[in-house]
Amino acid sequence: MRDLAKVTTAVPLDNFLARVSFADGTERDIDLWPYVNHGGIFEQIRRDPAFFASLFIENDTITWPNGADIDPDVLYFGLPPHASEEAWRAALATQLQAELPAAQ
């Protein structure tokens, strides 16, 4: 399987949205609110729009200066925060199926 989930660019937009591009060329606007709407390391991101906008790419995913980041697989597959193992497996199975050559 290719390394699809690598985030290559991310541009912060309004209302906790980010325009995210992945290594496979996929680009989409992703609502990051469900991921940053938690306390702890995400609190500053949630409370300060300028800090949210300071996101950058490090280790192939969206990261903030305080060290917070979001798993690139979660972003790529559109999984909810704290996704179950079943949700991960289903997303992976769907992706693997999509990569299989079409039957002739």
PDB file of N, CA and C in Angstrom:
ATOM      1  N   MET A   1       0.845  -1.175   0.000  1.00  0.00           N
ATOM      2  CA  MET A   1       0.000   0.000   0.000  1.00  0.00           C
ATOM      3  C   MET A   1       0.892   1.239   0.000  1.00  0.00           C
ATOM      4  N   ARG A   2       0.506   2.215  -0.768  1.00  0.00           N
ATOM      5  CA  ARG A   2       1.233   3.482  -0.804  1.00  0.00           C
ATOM      6  C   ARG A   2       1.050   4.224   0.515  1.00  0.00           C
ATOM      7  N   ASP A   3       1.919   5.181   0.720  1.00  0.00           N
ATOM      8  CA  ASP A   3       1.850   5.976   1.938  1.00  0.00           C
ATOM      9  C   ASP A   3       0.924   7.160   1.697  1.00  0.00           C
ATOM     10  N   LEU A   4      -0.363   6.893   1.587  1.00  0.00           N
ATOM     11  CA  LEU A   4      -1.355   7.885   1.193  1.00  0.00           C
ATOM     12  C   LEU A   4      -1.534   9.006   2.193  1.00  0.00           C
ATOM     13  N   ALA A   5      -1.481   8.669   3.449  1.00  0.00           N
ATOM     14  CA  ALA A   5      -1.920   9.593   4.482  1.00  0.00           C
ATOM     15  C   ALA A   5      -0.921  10.688   4.821  1.00  0.00           C
ATOM     16  N   LYS A   6       0.193  10.758   4.151  1.00  0.00           N
ATOM     17  CA  LYS A   6       1.138  11.827   4.447  1.00  0.00           C
ATOM     18  C   LYS A   6       0.532  13.175   4.073  1.00  0.00           C
ATOM     19  N   VAL A   7       0.483  14.071   5.038  1.00  0.00           N
ATOM     20  CA  VAL A   7       0.009  15.428   4.778  1.00  0.00           C
ATOM     21  C   VAL A   7       1.168  16.208   4.161  1.00  0.00           C
ATOM     22  N   THR A   8       0.910  16.812   3.007  1.00  0.00           N
ATOM     23  CA  THR A   8       1.957  17.582   2.330  1.00  0.00           C
ATOM     24  C   THR A   8       1.792  19.083   2.525  1.00  0.00           C
ATOM     25  N   THR A   9       0.556  19.556   2.583  1.00  0.00           N
ATOM     26  CA  THR A   9       0.295  20.972   2.867  1.00  0.00           C
ATOM     27  C   THR A   9      -0.983  21.086   3.679  1.00  0.00           C
ATOM     28  N   ALA A  10      -1.058  22.158   4.448  1.00  0.00           N
ATOM     29  CA  ALA A  10      -2.273  22.470   5.196  1.00  0.00           C
ATOM     30  C   ALA A  10      -2.351  23.981   5.341  1.00  0.00           C
ATOM     31  N   VAL A  11      -3.490  24.516   4.971  1.00  0.00           N
ATOM     32  CA  VAL A  11      -3.718  25.954   5.051  1.00  0.00           C
ATOM     33  C   VAL A  11      -4.891  26.183   5.990  1.00  0.00           C
ATOM     34  N   PRO A  12      -4.686  26.932   7.086  1.00  0.00           N
ATOM     35  CA  PRO A  12      -5.797  27.187   7.999  1.00  0.00           C
ATOM     36  C   PRO A  12      -6.840  28.085   7.344  1.00  0.00           C
ATOM     37  N   LEU A  13      -8.097  27.752   7.571  1.00  0.00           N
ATOM     38  CA  LEU A  13      -9.229  28.538   7.091  1.00  0.00           C
ATOM     39  C   LEU A  13     -10.027  28.995   8.311  1.00  0.00           C
ATOM     40  N   ASP A  14     -11.152  29.626   8.101  1.00  0.00           N
ATOM     41  CA  ASP A  14     -12.004  30.056   9.210  1.00  0.00           C
ATOM     42  C   ASP A  14     -12.713  28.870   9.850  1.00  0.00           C
ATOM     43  N   ASN A  15     -13.184  29.089  11.073  1.00  0.00           N
ATOM     44  CA  ASN A  15     -14.034  28.130  11.783  1.00  0.00           C
ATOM     45  C   ASN A  15     -13.409  26.749  11.943  1.00  0.00           C
ATOM     46  N   PHE A  16     -12.128  26.706  12.228  1.00  0.00           N
ATOM     47  CA  PHE A  16     -11.400  25.459  12.483  1.00  0.00           C
ATOM     48  C   PHE A  16     -11.332  24.534  11.278  1.00  0.00           C
ATOM     49  N   LEU A  17     -11.470  25.096  10.100  1.00  0.00           N
ATOM     50  CA  LEU A  17     -11.273  24.314   8.881  1.00  0.00           C
ATOM     51  C   LEU A  17      -9.830  24.476   8.419  1.00  0.00           C
ATOM     52  N   ALA A  18      -9.346  23.454   7.724  1.00  0.00           N
ATOM     53  CA  ALA A  18      -8.030  23.539   7.089  1.00  0.00           C
ATOM     54  C   ALA A  18      -8.117  22.874   5.728  1.00  0.00           C
ATOM     55  N   ARG A  19      -7.499  23.481   4.741  1.00  0.00           N
ATOM     56  CA  ARG A  19      -7.389  22.873   3.413  1.00  0.00           C
ATOM     57  C   ARG A  19      -6.137  22.000   3.444  1.00  0.00           C
ATOM     58  N   VAL A  20      -6.351  20.691   3.347  1.00  0.00           N
ATOM     59  CA  VAL A  20      -5.275  19.722   3.546  1.00  0.00           C
ATOM     60  C   VAL A  20      -5.018  18.961   2.256  1.00  0.00           C
ATOM     61  N   SER A  21      -3.743  18.855   1.894  1.00  0.00           N
ATOM     62  CA  SER A  21      -3.323  18.055   0.738  1.00  0.00           C
ATOM     63  C   SER A  21      -2.516  16.865   1.242  1.00  0.00           C
ATOM     64  N   PHE A  22      -2.719  15.727   0.564  1.00  0.00           N
ATOM     65  CA  PHE A  22      -2.046  14.488   0.935  1.00  0.00           C
ATOM     66  C   PHE A  22      -1.103  14.052  -0.178  1.00  0.00           C
ATOM     67  N   ALA A  23      -0.212  13.123   0.150  1.00  0.00           N
ATOM     68  CA  ALA A  23       0.822  12.666  -0.778  1.00  0.00           C
ATOM     69  C   ALA A  23       0.257  12.064  -2.058  1.00  0.00           C
ATOM     70  N   ASP A  24      -0.959  11.542  -2.011  1.00  0.00           N
ATOM     71  CA  ASP A  24      -1.542  10.943  -3.222  1.00  0.00           C
ATOM     72  C   ASP A  24      -2.230  11.972  -4.110  1.00  0.00           C
ATOM     73  N   GLY A  25      -2.145  13.266  -3.746  1.00  0.00           N
ATOM     74  CA  GLY A  25      -2.757  14.323  -4.539  1.00  0.00           C
ATOM     75  C   GLY A  25      -4.143  14.722  -4.076  1.00  0.00           C
ATOM     76  N   THR A  26      -4.712  13.982  -3.154  1.00  0.00           N
ATOM     77  CA  THR A  26      -6.022  14.320  -2.607  1.00  0.00           C
ATOM     78  C   THR A  26      -5.933  15.642  -1.859  1.00  0.00           C
ATOM     79  N   GLU A  27      -6.926  16.504  -2.063  1.00  0.00           N
ATOM     80  CA  GLU A  27      -7.011  17.762  -1.326  1.00  0.00           C
ATOM     81  C   GLU A  27      -8.447  17.957  -0.896  1.00  0.00           C
ATOM     82  N   ARG A  28      -8.630  18.342   0.360  1.00  0.00           N
ATOM     83  CA  ARG A  28      -9.990  18.618   0.826  1.00  0.00           C
ATOM     84  C   ARG A  28      -9.950  19.532   2.044  1.00  0.00           C
ATOM     85  N   ASP A  29     -11.071  20.185   2.278  1.00  0.00           N
ATOM     86  CA  ASP A  29     -11.223  21.007   3.470  1.00  0.00           C
ATOM     87  C   ASP A  29     -11.707  20.098   4.589  1.00  0.00           C
ATOM     88  N   ILE A  30     -10.981  20.109   5.694  1.00  0.00           N
ATOM     89  CA  ILE A  30     -11.291  19.230   6.818  1.00  0.00           C
ATOM     90  C   ILE A  30     -11.651  20.078   8.026  1.00  0.00           C
ATOM     91  N   ASP A  31     -12.757  19.721   8.667  1.00  0.00           N
ATOM     92  CA  ASP A  31     -13.180  20.375   9.899  1.00  0.00           C
ATOM     93  C   ASP A  31     -12.354  19.793  11.044  1.00  0.00           C
ATOM     94  N   LEU A  32     -11.475  20.596  11.611  1.00  0.00           N
ATOM     95  CA  LEU A  32     -10.610  20.122  12.688  1.00  0.00           C
ATOM     96  C   LEU A  32     -11.227  20.295  14.072  1.00  0.00           C
ATOM     97  N   TRP A  33     -12.402  20.922  14.128  1.00  0.00           N
ATOM     98  CA  TRP A  33     -13.044  21.150  15.425  1.00  0.00           C
ATOM     99  C   TRP A  33     -13.201  19.867  16.245  1.00  0.00           C
ATOM    100  N   PRO A  34     -13.674  18.756  15.680  1.00  0.00           N
ATOM    101  CA  PRO A  34     -13.819  17.556  16.514  1.00  0.00           C
ATOM    102  C   PRO A  34     -12.502  17.086  17.135  1.00  0.00           C
ATOM    103  N   TYR A  35     -11.392  17.415  16.524  1.00  0.00           N
ATOM    104  CA  TYR A  35     -10.090  16.971  17.029  1.00  0.00           C
ATOM    105  C   TYR A  35      -9.509  17.930  18.066  1.00  0.00           C
ATOM    106  N   VAL A  36      -9.800  19.221  17.932  1.00  0.00           N
ATOM    107  CA  VAL A  36      -9.237  20.203  18.864  1.00  0.00           C
ATOM    108  C   VAL A  36     -10.204  20.564  19.984  1.00  0.00           C
ATOM    109  N   ASN A  37     -11.413  20.050  19.948  1.00  0.00           N
ATOM    110  CA  ASN A  37     -12.418  20.360  20.958  1.00  0.00           C
ATOM    111  C   ASN A  37     -12.237  19.473  22.189  1.00  0.00           C
ATOM    112  N   HIS A  38     -11.035  19.512  22.721  1.00  0.00           N
ATOM    113  CA  HIS A  38     -10.689  18.758  23.924  1.00  0.00           C
ATOM    114  C   HIS A  38      -9.785  19.643  24.765  1.00  0.00           C
ATOM    115  N   GLY A  39      -9.673  19.329  26.018  1.00  0.00           N
ATOM    116  CA  GLY A  39      -8.773  20.074  26.892  1.00  0.00           C
ATOM    117  C   GLY A  39      -7.336  19.675  26.642  1.00  0.00           C
ATOM    118  N   GLY A  40      -6.541  19.870  27.640  1.00  0.00           N
ATOM    119  CA  GLY A  40      -5.139  19.485  27.545  1.00  0.00           C
ATOM    120  C   GLY A  40      -4.404  20.266  26.476  1.00  0.00           C
ATOM    121  N   ILE A  41      -3.617  19.576  25.708  1.00  0.00           N
ATOM    122  CA  ILE A  41      -2.747  20.200  24.714  1.00  0.00           C
ATOM    123  C   ILE A  41      -3.524  20.950  23.625  1.00  0.00           C
ATOM    124  N   PHE A  42      -4.792  20.591  23.411  1.00  0.00           N
ATOM    125  CA  PHE A  42      -5.587  21.240  22.365  1.00  0.00           C
ATOM    126  C   PHE A  42      -6.304  22.504  22.847  1.00  0.00           C
ATOM    127  N   GLU A  43      -6.293  22.763  24.154  1.00  0.00           N
ATOM    128  CA  GLU A  43      -7.049  23.896  24.684  1.00  0.00           C
ATOM    129  C   GLU A  43      -6.608  25.229  24.083  1.00  0.00           C
ATOM    130  N   GLN A  44      -5.323  25.465  23.990  1.00  0.00           N
ATOM    131  CA  GLN A  44      -4.830  26.731  23.426  1.00  0.00           C
ATOM    132  C   GLN A  44      -5.248  26.878  21.966  1.00  0.00           C
ATOM    133  N   ILE A  45      -5.242  25.783  21.230  1.00  0.00           N
ATOM    134  CA  ILE A  45      -5.642  25.806  19.819  1.00  0.00           C
ATOM    135  C   ILE A  45      -7.109  26.197  19.704  1.00  0.00           C
ATOM    136  N   ARG A  46      -7.919  25.632  20.576  1.00  0.00           N
ATOM    137  CA  ARG A  46      -9.359  25.877  20.557  1.00  0.00           C
ATOM    138  C   ARG A  46      -9.693  27.308  20.970  1.00  0.00           C
ATOM    139  N   ARG A  47      -8.963  27.841  21.929  1.00  0.00           N
ATOM    140  CA  ARG A  47      -9.294  29.153  22.488  1.00  0.00           C
ATOM    141  C   ARG A  47      -8.709  30.337  21.717  1.00  0.00           C
ATOM    142  N   ASP A  48      -7.671  30.094  20.930  1.00  0.00           N
ATOM    143  CA  ASP A  48      -6.954  31.201  20.291  1.00  0.00           C
ATOM    144  C   ASP A  48      -6.896  30.993  18.776  1.00  0.00           C
ATOM    145  N   PRO A  49      -7.748  31.712  18.018  1.00  0.00           N
ATOM    146  CA  PRO A  49      -7.759  31.541  16.563  1.00  0.00           C
ATOM    147  C   PRO A  49      -6.392  31.779  15.912  1.00  0.00           C
ATOM    148  N   ALA A  50      -5.611  32.708  16.442  1.00  0.00           N
ATOM    149  CA  ALA A  50      -4.279  32.951  15.875  1.00  0.00           C
ATOM    150  C   ALA A  50      -3.375  31.741  16.099  1.00  0.00           C
ATOM    151  N   PHE A  51      -3.527  31.097  17.244  1.00  0.00           N
ATOM    152  CA  PHE A  51      -2.719  29.904  17.504  1.00  0.00           C
ATOM    153  C   PHE A  51      -3.173  28.760  16.600  1.00  0.00           C
ATOM    154  N   PHE A  52      -4.484  28.615  16.408  1.00  0.00           N
ATOM    155  CA  PHE A  52      -4.976  27.607  15.456  1.00  0.00           C
ATOM    156  C   PHE A  52      -4.334  27.834  14.089  1.00  0.00           C
ATOM    157  N   ALA A  53      -4.283  29.092  13.675  1.00  0.00           N
ATOM    158  CA  ALA A  53      -3.754  29.434  12.350  1.00  0.00           C
ATOM    159  C   ALA A  53      -2.243  29.239  12.239  1.00  0.00           C
ATOM    160  N   SER A  54      -1.575  28.981  13.356  1.00  0.00           N
ATOM    161  CA  SER A  54      -0.124  28.782  13.320  1.00  0.00           C
ATOM    162  C   SER A  54       0.257  27.338  12.987  1.00  0.00           C
ATOM    163  N   LEU A  55      -0.719  26.544  12.565  1.00  0.00           N
ATOM    164  CA  LEU A  55      -0.428  25.141  12.237  1.00  0.00           C
ATOM    165  C   LEU A  55       0.620  25.041  11.138  1.00  0.00           C
ATOM    166  N   PHE A  56       1.357  23.948  11.153  1.00  0.00           N
ATOM    167  CA  PHE A  56       2.380  23.690  10.142  1.00  0.00           C
ATOM    168  C   PHE A  56       2.510  22.179   9.968  1.00  0.00           C
ATOM    169  N   ILE A  57       3.290  21.765   8.998  1.00  0.00           N
ATOM    170  CA  ILE A  57       3.477  20.339   8.728  1.00  0.00           C
ATOM    171  C   ILE A  57       4.791  19.882   9.355  1.00  0.00           C
ATOM    172  N   GLU A  58       4.705  18.819  10.128  1.00  0.00           N
ATOM    173  CA  GLU A  58       5.884  18.176  10.701  1.00  0.00           C
ATOM    174  C   GLU A  58       5.570  16.694  10.831  1.00  0.00           C
ATOM    175  N   ASN A  59       6.519  15.863  10.481  1.00  0.00           N
ATOM    176  CA  ASN A  59       6.323  14.409  10.528  1.00  0.00           C
ATOM    177  C   ASN A  59       5.080  13.986   9.748  1.00  0.00           C
ATOM    178  N   ASP A  60       4.868  14.630   8.606  1.00  0.00           N
ATOM    179  CA  ASP A  60       3.795  14.276   7.670  1.00  0.00           C
ATOM    180  C   ASP A  60       2.389  14.499   8.207  1.00  0.00           C
ATOM    181  N   THR A  61       2.223  15.422   9.146  1.00  0.00           N
ATOM    182  CA  THR A  61       0.882  15.723   9.627  1.00  0.00           C
ATOM    183  C   THR A  61       0.791  17.160  10.123  1.00  0.00           C
ATOM    184  N   ILE A  62      -0.429  17.567  10.446  1.00  0.00           N
ATOM    185  CA  ILE A  62      -0.672  18.899  10.992  1.00  0.00           C
ATOM    186  C   ILE A  62      -0.176  18.928  12.435  1.00  0.00           C
ATOM    187  N   THR A  63       0.598  19.979  12.727  1.00  0.00           N
ATOM    188  CA  THR A  63       1.202  20.144  14.045  1.00  0.00           C
ATOM    189  C   THR A  63       1.078  21.610  14.443  1.00  0.00           C
ATOM    190  N   TRP A  64       1.087  21.870  15.744  1.00  0.00           N
ATOM    191  CA  TRP A  64       1.086  23.235  16.257  1.00  0.00           C
ATOM    192  C   TRP A  64       2.344  23.463  17.084  1.00  0.00           C
ATOM    193  N   PRO A  65       2.694  24.739  17.319  1.00  0.00           N
ATOM    194  CA  PRO A  65       3.924  25.044  18.058  1.00  0.00           C
ATOM    195  C   PRO A  65       3.997  24.442  19.463  1.00  0.00           C
ATOM    196  N   ASN A  66       2.865  24.132  20.074  1.00  0.00           N
ATOM    197  CA  ASN A  66       2.890  23.541  21.416  1.00  0.00           C
ATOM    198  C   ASN A  66       3.087  22.025  21.384  1.00  0.00           C
ATOM    199  N   GLY A  67       3.267  21.449  20.192  1.00  0.00           N
ATOM    200  CA  GLY A  67       3.502  20.012  20.072  1.00  0.00           C
ATOM    201  C   GLY A  67       2.271  19.188  19.768  1.00  0.00           C
ATOM    202  N   ALA A  68       1.106  19.798  19.782  1.00  0.00           N
ATOM    203  CA  ALA A  68      -0.119  19.065  19.449  1.00  0.00           C
ATOM    204  C   ALA A  68      -0.089  18.674  17.980  1.00  0.00           C
ATOM    205  N   ASP A  69      -0.622  17.512  17.681  1.00  0.00           N
ATOM    206  CA  ASP A  69      -0.754  17.090  16.286  1.00  0.00           C
ATOM    207  C   ASP A  69      -1.946  16.153  16.160  1.00  0.00           C
ATOM    208  N   ILE A  70      -2.289  15.838  14.928  1.00  0.00           N
ATOM    209  CA  ILE A  70      -3.414  14.938  14.644  1.00  0.00           C
ATOM    210  C   ILE A  70      -2.897  13.838  13.738  1.00  0.00           C
ATOM    211  N   ASP A  71      -3.202  12.613  14.082  1.00  0.00           N
ATOM    212  CA  ASP A  71      -2.753  11.458  13.306  1.00  0.00           C
ATOM    213  C   ASP A  71      -3.142  11.640  11.841  1.00  0.00           C
ATOM    214  N   PRO A  72      -2.189  11.543  10.906  1.00  0.00           N
ATOM    215  CA  PRO A  72      -2.521  11.753   9.497  1.00  0.00           C
ATOM    216  C   PRO A  72      -3.500  10.719   8.945  1.00  0.00           C
ATOM    217  N   ASP A  73      -3.502   9.501   9.477  1.00  0.00           N
ATOM    218  CA  ASP A  73      -4.473   8.496   9.032  1.00  0.00           C
ATOM    219  C   ASP A  73      -5.889   8.918   9.396  1.00  0.00           C
ATOM    220  N   VAL A  74      -6.045   9.499  10.581  1.00  0.00           N
ATOM    221  CA  VAL A  74      -7.359   9.987  11.015  1.00  0.00           C
ATOM    222  C   VAL A  74      -7.854  11.048  10.042  1.00  0.00           C
ATOM    223  N   LEU A  75      -6.970  11.964   9.660  1.00  0.00           N
ATOM    224  CA  LEU A  75      -7.350  13.016   8.717  1.00  0.00           C
ATOM    225  C   LEU A  75      -7.684  12.438   7.346  1.00  0.00           C
ATOM    226  N   TYR A  76      -6.842  11.553   6.864  1.00  0.00           N
ATOM    227  CA  TYR A  76      -7.022  11.010   5.518  1.00  0.00           C
ATOM    228  C   TYR A  76      -8.311  10.203   5.401  1.00  0.00           C
ATOM    229  N   PHE A  77      -8.540   9.331   6.367  1.00  0.00           N
ATOM    230  CA  PHE A  77      -9.705   8.450   6.299  1.00  0.00           C
ATOM    231  C   PHE A  77     -10.965   9.075   6.880  1.00  0.00           C
ATOM    232  N   GLY A  78     -10.859  10.264   7.447  1.00  0.00           N
ATOM    233  CA  GLY A  78     -12.027  10.934   8.002  1.00  0.00           C
ATOM    234  C   GLY A  78     -12.565  10.266   9.248  1.00  0.00           C
ATOM    235  N   LEU A  79     -11.686   9.638  10.010  1.00  0.00           N
ATOM    236  CA  LEU A  79     -12.113   8.951  11.223  1.00  0.00           C
ATOM    237  C   LEU A  79     -12.370   9.954  12.337  1.00  0.00           C
ATOM    238  N   PRO A  80     -13.317   9.642  13.211  1.00  0.00           N
ATOM    239  CA  PRO A  80     -13.570  10.537  14.336  1.00  0.00           C
ATOM    240  C   PRO A  80     -12.448  10.421  15.369  1.00  0.00           C
ATOM    241  N   PRO A  81     -12.322  11.439  16.223  1.00  0.00           N
ATOM    242  CA  PRO A  81     -11.343  11.313  17.301  1.00  0.00           C
ATOM    243  C   PRO A  81     -11.664  10.069  18.126  1.00  0.00           C
ATOM    244  N   HIS A  82     -10.663   9.416  18.590  1.00  0.00           N
ATOM    245  CA  HIS A  82     -10.831   8.218  19.419  1.00  0.00           C
ATOM    246  C   HIS A  82     -11.585   7.121  18.679  1.00  0.00           C
ATOM    247  N   ALA A  83     -11.328   6.985  17.392  1.00  0.00           N
ATOM    248  CA  ALA A  83     -11.997   5.956  16.582  1.00  0.00           C
ATOM    249  C   ALA A  83     -11.666   4.571  17.126  1.00  0.00           C
ATOM    250  N   SER A  84     -12.637   3.702  17.038  1.00  0.00           N
ATOM    251  CA  SER A  84     -12.448   2.331  17.508  1.00  0.00           C
ATOM    252  C   SER A  84     -11.546   1.561  16.549  1.00  0.00           C
ATOM    253  N   GLU A  85     -11.038   0.453  17.028  1.00  0.00           N
ATOM    254  CA  GLU A  85     -10.214  -0.400  16.169  1.00  0.00           C
ATOM    255  C   GLU A  85     -11.029  -0.890  14.973  1.00  0.00           C
ATOM    256  N   GLU A  86     -12.313  -1.138  15.180  1.00  0.00           N
ATOM    257  CA  GLU A  86     -13.179  -1.571  14.069  1.00  0.00           C
ATOM    258  C   GLU A  86     -13.257  -0.499  12.990  1.00  0.00           C
ATOM    259  N   ALA A  87     -13.366   0.759  13.395  1.00  0.00           N
ATOM    260  CA  ALA A  87     -13.430   1.853  12.418  1.00  0.00           C
ATOM    261  C   ALA A  87     -12.127   1.937  11.628  1.00  0.00           C
ATOM    262  N   TRP A  88     -10.997   1.761  12.301  1.00  0.00           N
ATOM    263  CA  TRP A  88      -9.703   1.774  11.622  1.00  0.00           C
ATOM    264  C   TRP A  88      -9.624   0.642  10.608  1.00  0.00           C
ATOM    265  N   ARG A  89     -10.023  -0.541  11.028  1.00  0.00           N
ATOM    266  CA  ARG A  89      -9.956  -1.701  10.126  1.00  0.00           C
ATOM    267  C   ARG A  89     -10.857  -1.515   8.911  1.00  0.00           C
ATOM    268  N   ALA A  90     -12.054  -0.983   9.138  1.00  0.00           N
ATOM    269  CA  ALA A  90     -12.982  -0.761   8.026  1.00  0.00           C
ATOM    270  C   ALA A  90     -12.412   0.259   7.041  1.00  0.00           C
ATOM    271  N   ALA A  91     -11.822   1.329   7.549  1.00  0.00           N
ATOM    272  CA  ALA A  91     -11.230   2.345   6.673  1.00  0.00           C
ATOM    273  C   ALA A  91     -10.074   1.761   5.873  1.00  0.00           C
ATOM    274  N   LEU A  92      -9.245   0.974   6.520  1.00  0.00           N
ATOM    275  CA  LEU A  92      -8.120   0.357   5.831  1.00  0.00           C
ATOM    276  C   LEU A  92      -8.600  -0.637   4.781  1.00  0.00           C
ATOM    277  N   ALA A  93      -9.599  -1.440   5.123  1.00  0.00           N
ATOM    278  CA  ALA A  93     -10.133  -2.413   4.165  1.00  0.00           C
ATOM    279  C   ALA A  93     -10.713  -1.710   2.945  1.00  0.00           C
ATOM    280  N   THR A  94     -11.412  -0.615   3.157  1.00  0.00           N
ATOM    281  CA  THR A  94     -11.978   0.149   2.050  1.00  0.00           C
ATOM    282  C   THR A  94     -10.868   0.679   1.150  1.00  0.00           C
ATOM    283  N   GLN A  95      -9.805   1.199   1.759  1.00  0.00           N
ATOM    284  CA  GLN A  95      -8.694   1.724   0.971  1.00  0.00           C
ATOM    285  C   GLN A  95      -7.994   0.615   0.198  1.00  0.00           C
ATOM    286  N   LEU A  96      -7.759  -0.513   0.842  1.00  0.00           N
ATOM    287  CA  LEU A  96      -7.104  -1.627   0.160  1.00  0.00           C
ATOM    288  C   LEU A  96      -7.946  -2.117  -1.010  1.00  0.00           C
ATOM    289  N   GLN A  97      -9.244  -2.190  -0.820  1.00  0.00           N
ATOM    290  CA  GLN A  97     -10.145  -2.617  -1.891  1.00  0.00           C
ATOM    291  C   GLN A  97     -10.064  -1.646  -3.067  1.00  0.00           C
ATOM    292  N   ALA A  98      -9.992  -0.365  -2.773  1.00  0.00           N
ATOM    293  CA  ALA A  98      -9.918   0.650  -3.829  1.00  0.00           C
ATOM    294  C   ALA A  98      -8.611   0.553  -4.612  1.00  0.00           C
ATOM    295  N   GLU A  99      -7.568   0.041  -3.992  1.00  0.00           N
ATOM    296  CA  GLU A  99      -6.275  -0.055  -4.660  1.00  0.00           C
ATOM    297  C   GLU A  99      -6.117  -1.321  -5.491  1.00  0.00           C
ATOM    298  N   LEU A 100      -7.002  -2.292  -5.311  1.00  0.00           N
ATOM    299  CA  LEU A 100      -6.897  -3.524  -6.093  1.00  0.00           C
ATOM    300  C   LEU A 100      -7.195  -3.239  -7.554  1.00  0.00           C
ATOM    301  N   PRO A 101      -6.480  -3.897  -8.465  1.00  0.00           N
ATOM    302  CA  PRO A 101      -6.774  -3.700  -9.888  1.00  0.00           C
ATOM    303  C   PRO A 101      -8.196  -4.168 -10.206  1.00  0.00           C
ATOM    304  N   ALA A 102      -8.833  -3.465 -11.096  1.00  0.00           N
ATOM    305  CA  ALA A 102     -10.201  -3.828 -11.490  1.00  0.00           C
ATOM    306  C   ALA A 102     -10.191  -5.184 -12.188  1.00  0.00           C
ATOM    307  N   ALA A 103     -11.221  -5.981 -11.909  1.00  0.00           N
ATOM    308  CA  ALA A 103     -11.348  -7.291 -12.565  1.00  0.00           C
ATOM    309  C   ALA A 103     -11.633  -7.078 -14.046  1.00  0.00           C
ATOM    310  N   GLN A 104     -11.014  -7.917 -14.867  1.00  0.00           N
ATOM    311  CA  GLN A 104     -11.201  -7.753 -16.311  1.00  0.00           C
ATOM    312  C   GLN A 104     -12.173  -8.750 -16.846  1.00  0.00           C
TER     313      GLN A 104
END
